[in-house]
Amino acid sequence: MNLTVAEEGKEYIIRAIETDDEELNAFLFSLGCYSGEPITVISRRRGGCTVSIKDGRYNIDNQLAEAILI
C-alpha cells in the first residue's frame, strides 16, 4: 500500500521507498522520509497531499506519494 491510499489523520510507518531515481531518494531522505519513520497524511488535494514527517509538514505530489510504501 502506498501513501496515495492512506487515511487522513492516521499515522503510518514507512515500510520502503520504491524508486529508481537516486535524486528522489536523497530528497526524501533529507526530509526524514525513510523506512521505519512515522508519517501522517494531514490533508489531500487534487495533485497530491500534505504530510507530516518528524516535526515538519510537506506538500508532496502524487508521484512522490506513490513511491512511499506504508
PDB file of N, CA and C in Angstrom:
ATOM      1  N   MET A   1       0.852  -1.172   0.000  1.00  0.00           N
ATOM      2  CA  MET A   1       0.000   0.000   0.000  1.00  0.00           C
ATOM      3  C   MET A   1       0.902   1.241   0.000  1.00  0.00           C
ATOM      4  N   ASN A   2       0.548   2.200  -0.827  1.00  0.00           N
ATOM      5  CA  ASN A   2       1.348   3.429  -0.851  1.00  0.00           C
ATOM      6  C   ASN A   2       0.567   4.588  -0.224  1.00  0.00           C
ATOM      7  N   LEU A   3       1.227   5.719  -0.152  1.00  0.00           N
ATOM      8  CA  LEU A   3       0.680   6.872   0.567  1.00  0.00           C
ATOM      9  C   LEU A   3      -0.560   7.465  -0.099  1.00  0.00           C
ATOM     10  N   THR A   4      -0.793   7.183  -1.363  1.00  0.00           N
ATOM     11  CA  THR A   4      -1.949   7.757  -2.052  1.00  0.00           C
ATOM     12  C   THR A   4      -3.273   7.216  -1.516  1.00  0.00           C
ATOM     13  N   VAL A   5      -3.257   6.068  -0.854  1.00  0.00           N
ATOM     14  CA  VAL A   5      -4.492   5.478  -0.331  1.00  0.00           C
ATOM     15  C   VAL A   5      -4.582   5.580   1.195  1.00  0.00           C
ATOM     16  N   ALA A   6      -3.664   6.290   1.809  1.00  0.00           N
ATOM     17  CA  ALA A   6      -3.651   6.444   3.270  1.00  0.00           C
ATOM     18  C   ALA A   6      -4.797   7.345   3.729  1.00  0.00           C
ATOM     19  N   GLU A   7      -5.318   7.060   4.913  1.00  0.00           N
ATOM     20  CA  GLU A   7      -6.373   7.881   5.505  1.00  0.00           C
ATOM     21  C   GLU A   7      -5.774   9.155   6.100  1.00  0.00           C
ATOM     22  N   GLU A   8      -6.515  10.233   5.991  1.00  0.00           N
ATOM     23  CA  GLU A   8      -6.085  11.497   6.594  1.00  0.00           C
ATOM     24  C   GLU A   8      -6.103  11.378   8.113  1.00  0.00           C
ATOM     25  N   GLY A   9      -5.069  11.925   8.750  1.00  0.00           N
ATOM     26  CA  GLY A   9      -5.011  11.969  10.204  1.00  0.00           C
ATOM     27  C   GLY A   9      -4.509  10.706  10.875  1.00  0.00           C
ATOM     28  N   LYS A  10      -4.297   9.637  10.138  1.00  0.00           N
ATOM     29  CA  LYS A  10      -3.823   8.386  10.712  1.00  0.00           C
ATOM     30  C   LYS A  10      -2.312   8.258  10.506  1.00  0.00           C
ATOM     31  N   GLU A  11      -1.609   7.852  11.561  1.00  0.00           N
ATOM     32  CA  GLU A  11      -0.155   7.707  11.471  1.00  0.00           C
ATOM     33  C   GLU A  11       0.198   6.331  10.915  1.00  0.00           C
ATOM     34  N   TYR A  12       1.127   6.314   9.980  1.00  0.00           N
ATOM     35  CA  TYR A  12       1.621   5.086   9.369  1.00  0.00           C
ATOM     36  C   TYR A  12       3.133   5.023   9.539  1.00  0.00           C
ATOM     37  N   ILE A  13       3.681   3.833   9.420  1.00  0.00           N
ATOM     38  CA  ILE A  13       5.123   3.651   9.433  1.00  0.00           C
ATOM     39  C   ILE A  13       5.569   3.392   7.993  1.00  0.00           C
ATOM     40  N   ILE A  14       6.576   4.107   7.559  1.00  0.00           N
ATOM     41  CA  ILE A  14       7.095   3.936   6.204  1.00  0.00           C
ATOM     42  C   ILE A  14       7.795   2.579   6.123  1.00  0.00           C
ATOM     43  N   ARG A  15       7.359   1.742   5.205  1.00  0.00           N
ATOM     44  CA  ARG A  15       7.951   0.415   5.010  1.00  0.00           C
ATOM     45  C   ARG A  15       9.117   0.458   4.032  1.00  0.00           C
ATOM     46  N   ALA A  16       8.974   1.254   2.983  1.00  0.00           N
ATOM     47  CA  ALA A  16      10.031   1.336   1.963  1.00  0.00           C
ATOM     48  C   ALA A  16       9.777   2.534   1.063  1.00  0.00           C
ATOM     49  N   ILE A  17      10.822   2.941   0.371  1.00  0.00           N
ATOM     50  CA  ILE A  17      10.724   3.959  -0.671  1.00  0.00           C
ATOM     51  C   ILE A  17      11.028   3.234  -1.976  1.00  0.00           C
ATOM     52  N   GLU A  18      10.064   3.221  -2.865  1.00  0.00           N
ATOM     53  CA  GLU A  18      10.190   2.447  -4.096  1.00  0.00           C
ATOM     54  C   GLU A  18      10.413   3.376  -5.290  1.00  0.00           C
ATOM     55  N   THR A  19      11.674   3.646  -5.587  1.00  0.00           N
ATOM     56  CA  THR A  19      12.023   4.480  -6.730  1.00  0.00           C
ATOM     57  C   THR A  19      13.424   4.122  -7.210  1.00  0.00           C
ATOM     58  N   ASP A  20      13.643   4.286  -8.499  1.00  0.00           N
ATOM     59  CA  ASP A  20      14.966   4.046  -9.080  1.00  0.00           C
ATOM     60  C   ASP A  20      15.754   5.344  -9.199  1.00  0.00           C
ATOM     61  N   ASP A  21      15.121   6.462  -8.876  1.00  0.00           N
ATOM     62  CA  ASP A  21      15.743   7.771  -9.005  1.00  0.00           C
ATOM     63  C   ASP A  21      16.522   8.111  -7.731  1.00  0.00           C
ATOM     64  N   GLU A  22      17.838   8.154  -7.837  1.00  0.00           N
ATOM     65  CA  GLU A  22      18.689   8.425  -6.669  1.00  0.00           C
ATOM     66  C   GLU A  22      18.473   9.837  -6.120  1.00  0.00           C
ATOM     67  N   GLU A  23      18.214  10.803  -6.991  1.00  0.00           N
ATOM     68  CA  GLU A  23      17.948  12.171  -6.530  1.00  0.00           C
ATOM     69  C   GLU A  23      16.672  12.221  -5.697  1.00  0.00           C
ATOM     70  N   LEU A  24      15.665  11.508  -6.137  1.00  0.00           N
ATOM     71  CA  LEU A  24      14.404  11.449  -5.393  1.00  0.00           C
ATOM     72  C   LEU A  24      14.625  10.770  -4.042  1.00  0.00           C
ATOM     73  N   ASN A  25      15.382   9.692  -4.026  1.00  0.00           N
ATOM     74  CA  ASN A  25      15.717   9.017  -2.768  1.00  0.00           C
ATOM     75  C   ASN A  25      16.426   9.963  -1.811  1.00  0.00           C
ATOM     76  N   ALA A  26      17.408  10.688  -2.326  1.00  0.00           N
ATOM     77  CA  ALA A  26      18.174  11.623  -1.500  1.00  0.00           C
ATOM     78  C   ALA A  26      17.276  12.748  -0.978  1.00  0.00           C
ATOM     79  N   PHE A  27      16.379  13.245  -1.818  1.00  0.00           N
ATOM     80  CA  PHE A  27      15.458  14.304  -1.411  1.00  0.00           C
ATOM     81  C   PHE A  27      14.548  13.828  -0.285  1.00  0.00           C
ATOM     82  N   LEU A  28      13.942  12.659  -0.461  1.00  0.00           N
ATOM     83  CA  LEU A  28      13.051  12.122   0.568  1.00  0.00           C
ATOM     84  C   LEU A  28      13.818  11.858   1.863  1.00  0.00           C
ATOM     85  N   PHE A  29      15.035  11.355   1.753  1.00  0.00           N
ATOM     86  CA  PHE A  29      15.851  11.105   2.946  1.00  0.00           C
ATOM     87  C   PHE A  29      16.148  12.411   3.678  1.00  0.00           C
ATOM     88  N   SER A  30      16.392  13.486   2.920  1.00  0.00           N
ATOM     89  CA  SER A  30      16.683  14.782   3.546  1.00  0.00           C
ATOM     90  C   SER A  30      15.473  15.329   4.311  1.00  0.00           C
ATOM     91  N   LEU A  31      14.262  14.906   3.923  1.00  0.00           N
ATOM     92  CA  LEU A  31      13.045  15.304   4.630  1.00  0.00           C
ATOM     93  C   LEU A  31      12.809  14.447   5.876  1.00  0.00           C
ATOM     94  N   GLY A  32      13.570  13.362   6.005  1.00  0.00           N
ATOM     95  CA  GLY A  32      13.356  12.431   7.108  1.00  0.00           C
ATOM     96  C   GLY A  32      12.417  11.309   6.726  1.00  0.00           C
ATOM     97  N   CYS A  33      12.225  11.133   5.440  1.00  0.00           N
ATOM     98  CA  CYS A  33      11.308  10.130   4.913  1.00  0.00           C
ATOM     99  C   CYS A  33      12.098   8.890   4.506  1.00  0.00           C
ATOM    100  N   TYR A  34      12.166   7.909   5.414  1.00  0.00           N
ATOM    101  CA  TYR A  34      12.869   6.659   5.132  1.00  0.00           C
ATOM    102  C   TYR A  34      12.240   5.542   5.959  1.00  0.00           C
ATOM    103  N   SER A  35      12.594   4.322   5.675  1.00  0.00           N
ATOM    104  CA  SER A  35      11.996   3.152   6.329  1.00  0.00           C
ATOM    105  C   SER A  35      12.047   3.263   7.843  1.00  0.00           C
ATOM    106  N   GLY A  36      10.930   2.922   8.468  1.00  0.00           N
ATOM    107  CA  GLY A  36      10.846   2.924   9.919  1.00  0.00           C
ATOM    108  C   GLY A  36      10.340   4.211  10.531  1.00  0.00           C
ATOM    109  N   GLU A  37      10.244   5.270   9.755  1.00  0.00           N
ATOM    110  CA  GLU A  37       9.792   6.571  10.280  1.00  0.00           C
ATOM    111  C   GLU A  37       8.272   6.679  10.192  1.00  0.00           C
ATOM    112  N   PRO A  38       7.647   7.317  11.177  1.00  0.00           N
ATOM    113  CA  PRO A  38       6.200   7.563  11.100  1.00  0.00           C
ATOM    114  C   PRO A  38       5.890   8.700  10.129  1.00  0.00           C
ATOM    115  N   ILE A  39       4.754   8.576   9.457  1.00  0.00           N
ATOM    116  CA  ILE A  39       4.297   9.607   8.523  1.00  0.00           C
ATOM    117  C   ILE A  39       2.779   9.709   8.644  1.00  0.00           C
ATOM    118  N   THR A  40       2.260  10.924   8.562  1.00  0.00           N
ATOM    119  CA  THR A  40       0.826  11.157   8.668  1.00  0.00           C
ATOM    120  C   THR A  40       0.371  12.031   7.506  1.00  0.00           C
ATOM    121  N   VAL A  41      -0.708  11.632   6.846  1.00  0.00           N
ATOM    122  CA  VAL A  41      -1.309  12.465   5.804  1.00  0.00           C
ATOM    123  C   VAL A  41      -2.212  13.475   6.505  1.00  0.00           C
ATOM    124  N   ILE A  42      -1.874  14.754   6.388  1.00  0.00           N
ATOM    125  CA  ILE A  42      -2.643  15.816   7.025  1.00  0.00           C
ATOM    126  C   ILE A  42      -3.872  16.161   6.188  1.00  0.00           C
ATOM    127  N   SER A  43      -3.671  16.323   4.892  1.00  0.00           N
ATOM    128  CA  SER A  43      -4.790  16.636   4.007  1.00  0.00           C
ATOM    129  C   SER A  43      -4.462  16.202   2.586  1.00  0.00           C
ATOM    130  N   ARG A  44      -5.490  16.105   1.786  1.00  0.00           N
ATOM    131  CA  ARG A  44      -5.350  15.732   0.374  1.00  0.00           C
ATOM    132  C   ARG A  44      -5.832  16.884  -0.499  1.00  0.00           C
ATOM    133  N   ARG A  45      -5.217  16.968  -1.641  1.00  0.00           N
ATOM    134  CA  ARG A  45      -5.693  17.895  -2.664  1.00  0.00           C
ATOM    135  C   ARG A  45      -5.556  17.190  -4.000  1.00  0.00           C
ATOM    136  N   ARG A  46      -6.023  17.800  -5.043  1.00  0.00           N
ATOM    137  CA  ARG A  46      -6.103  17.129  -6.332  1.00  0.00           C
ATOM    138  C   ARG A  46      -4.769  16.590  -6.829  1.00  0.00           C
ATOM    139  N   GLY A  47      -3.711  17.360  -6.707  1.00  0.00           N
ATOM    140  CA  GLY A  47      -2.426  16.942  -7.258  1.00  0.00           C
ATOM    141  C   GLY A  47      -1.509  16.235  -6.286  1.00  0.00           C
ATOM    142  N   GLY A  48      -1.927  16.060  -5.039  1.00  0.00           N
ATOM    143  CA  GLY A  48      -1.058  15.426  -4.066  1.00  0.00           C
ATOM    144  C   GLY A  48      -1.621  15.514  -2.666  1.00  0.00           C
ATOM    145  N   CYS A  49      -0.722  15.621  -1.698  1.00  0.00           N
ATOM    146  CA  CYS A  49      -1.170  15.681  -0.310  1.00  0.00           C
ATOM    147  C   CYS A  49      -0.152  16.405   0.560  1.00  0.00           C
ATOM    148  N   THR A  50      -0.593  16.781   1.745  1.00  0.00           N
ATOM    149  CA  THR A  50       0.274  17.377   2.751  1.00  0.00           C
ATOM    150  C   THR A  50       0.536  16.306   3.797  1.00  0.00           C
ATOM    151  N   VAL A  51       1.815  16.094   4.102  1.00  0.00           N
ATOM    152  CA  VAL A  51       2.186  15.062   5.057  1.00  0.00           C
ATOM    153  C   VAL A  51       3.000  15.656   6.191  1.00  0.00           C
ATOM    154  N   SER A  52       2.969  14.970   7.317  1.00  0.00           N
ATOM    155  CA  SER A  52       3.772  15.339   8.467  1.00  0.00           C
ATOM    156  C   SER A  52       4.822  14.251   8.665  1.00  0.00           C
ATOM    157  N   ILE A  53       6.093  14.660   8.599  1.00  0.00           N
ATOM    158  CA  ILE A  53       7.213  13.759   8.823  1.00  0.00           C
ATOM    159  C   ILE A  53       8.087  14.420   9.873  1.00  0.00           C
ATOM    160  N   LYS A  54       8.342  13.697  10.943  1.00  0.00           N
ATOM    161  CA  LYS A  54       9.086  14.249  12.082  1.00  0.00           C
ATOM    162  C   LYS A  54       8.376  15.510  12.548  1.00  0.00           C
ATOM    163  N   ASP A  55       9.051  16.656  12.579  1.00  0.00           N
ATOM    164  CA  ASP A  55       8.422  17.894  13.036  1.00  0.00           C
ATOM    165  C   ASP A  55       8.043  18.821  11.897  1.00  0.00           C
ATOM    166  N   GLY A  56       8.072  18.337  10.664  1.00  0.00           N
ATOM    167  CA  GLY A  56       7.792  19.190   9.518  1.00  0.00           C
ATOM    168  C   GLY A  56       6.558  18.763   8.756  1.00  0.00           C
ATOM    169  N   ARG A  57       5.995  19.713   8.029  1.00  0.00           N
ATOM    170  CA  ARG A  57       4.871  19.446   7.124  1.00  0.00           C
ATOM    171  C   ARG A  57       5.330  19.762   5.712  1.00  0.00           C
ATOM    172  N   TYR A  58       5.003  18.853   4.786  1.00  0.00           N
ATOM    173  CA  TYR A  58       5.461  18.992   3.409  1.00  0.00           C
ATOM    174  C   TYR A  58       4.319  18.700   2.451  1.00  0.00           C
ATOM    175  N   ASN A  59       4.286  19.445   1.357  1.00  0.00           N
ATOM    176  CA  ASN A  59       3.365  19.163   0.265  1.00  0.00           C
ATOM    177  C   ASN A  59       4.098  18.281  -0.728  1.00  0.00           C
ATOM    178  N   ILE A  60       3.532  17.130  -1.020  1.00  0.00           N
ATOM    179  CA  ILE A  60       4.149  16.238  -1.995  1.00  0.00           C
ATOM    180  C   ILE A  60       3.140  15.920  -3.088  1.00  0.00           C
ATOM    181  N   ASP A  61       3.635  15.702  -4.287  1.00  0.00           N
ATOM    182  CA  ASP A  61       2.733  15.374  -5.388  1.00  0.00           C
ATOM    183  C   ASP A  61       2.432  13.875  -5.391  1.00  0.00           C
ATOM    184  N   ASN A  62       1.519  13.479  -6.248  1.00  0.00           N
ATOM    185  CA  ASN A  62       1.102  12.078  -6.288  1.00  0.00           C
ATOM    186  C   ASN A  62       2.228  11.138  -6.692  1.00  0.00           C
ATOM    187  N   GLN A  63       3.152  11.591  -7.520  1.00  0.00           N
ATOM    188  CA  GLN A  63       4.274  10.750  -7.933  1.00  0.00           C
ATOM    189  C   GLN A  63       5.138  10.387  -6.710  1.00  0.00           C
ATOM    190  N   LEU A  64       5.418  11.356  -5.858  1.00  0.00           N
ATOM    191  CA  LEU A  64       6.174  11.086  -4.636  1.00  0.00           C
ATOM    192  C   LEU A  64       5.359  10.211  -3.695  1.00  0.00           C
ATOM    193  N   ALA A  65       4.077  10.484  -3.567  1.00  0.00           N
ATOM    194  CA  ALA A  65       3.223   9.700  -2.672  1.00  0.00           C
ATOM    195  C   ALA A  65       3.173   8.240  -3.093  1.00  0.00           C
ATOM    196  N   GLU A  66       3.182   7.967  -4.387  1.00  0.00           N
ATOM    197  CA  GLU A  66       3.161   6.595  -4.875  1.00  0.00           C
ATOM    198  C   GLU A  66       4.450   5.856  -4.565  1.00  0.00           C
ATOM    199  N   ALA A  67       5.556   6.573  -4.424  1.00  0.00           N
ATOM    200  CA  ALA A  67       6.856   5.949  -4.147  1.00  0.00           C
ATOM    201  C   ALA A  67       7.023   5.597  -2.675  1.00  0.00           C
ATOM    202  N   ILE A  68       6.188   6.152  -1.799  1.00  0.00           N
ATOM    203  CA  ILE A  68       6.302   5.915  -0.356  1.00  0.00           C
ATOM    204  C   ILE A  68       5.356   4.782   0.031  1.00  0.00           C
ATOM    205  N   LEU A  69       5.913   3.637   0.396  1.00  0.00           N
ATOM    206  CA  LEU A  69       5.112   2.478   0.767  1.00  0.00           C
ATOM    207  C   LEU A  69       4.926   2.442   2.279  1.00  0.00           C
ATOM    208  N   ILE A  70       3.678   2.204   2.682  1.00  0.00           N
ATOM    209  CA  ILE A  70       3.361   2.181   4.115  1.00  0.00           C
ATOM    210  C   ILE A  70       2.775   0.836   4.490  1.00  0.00           C
TER     211      ILE A  70
END
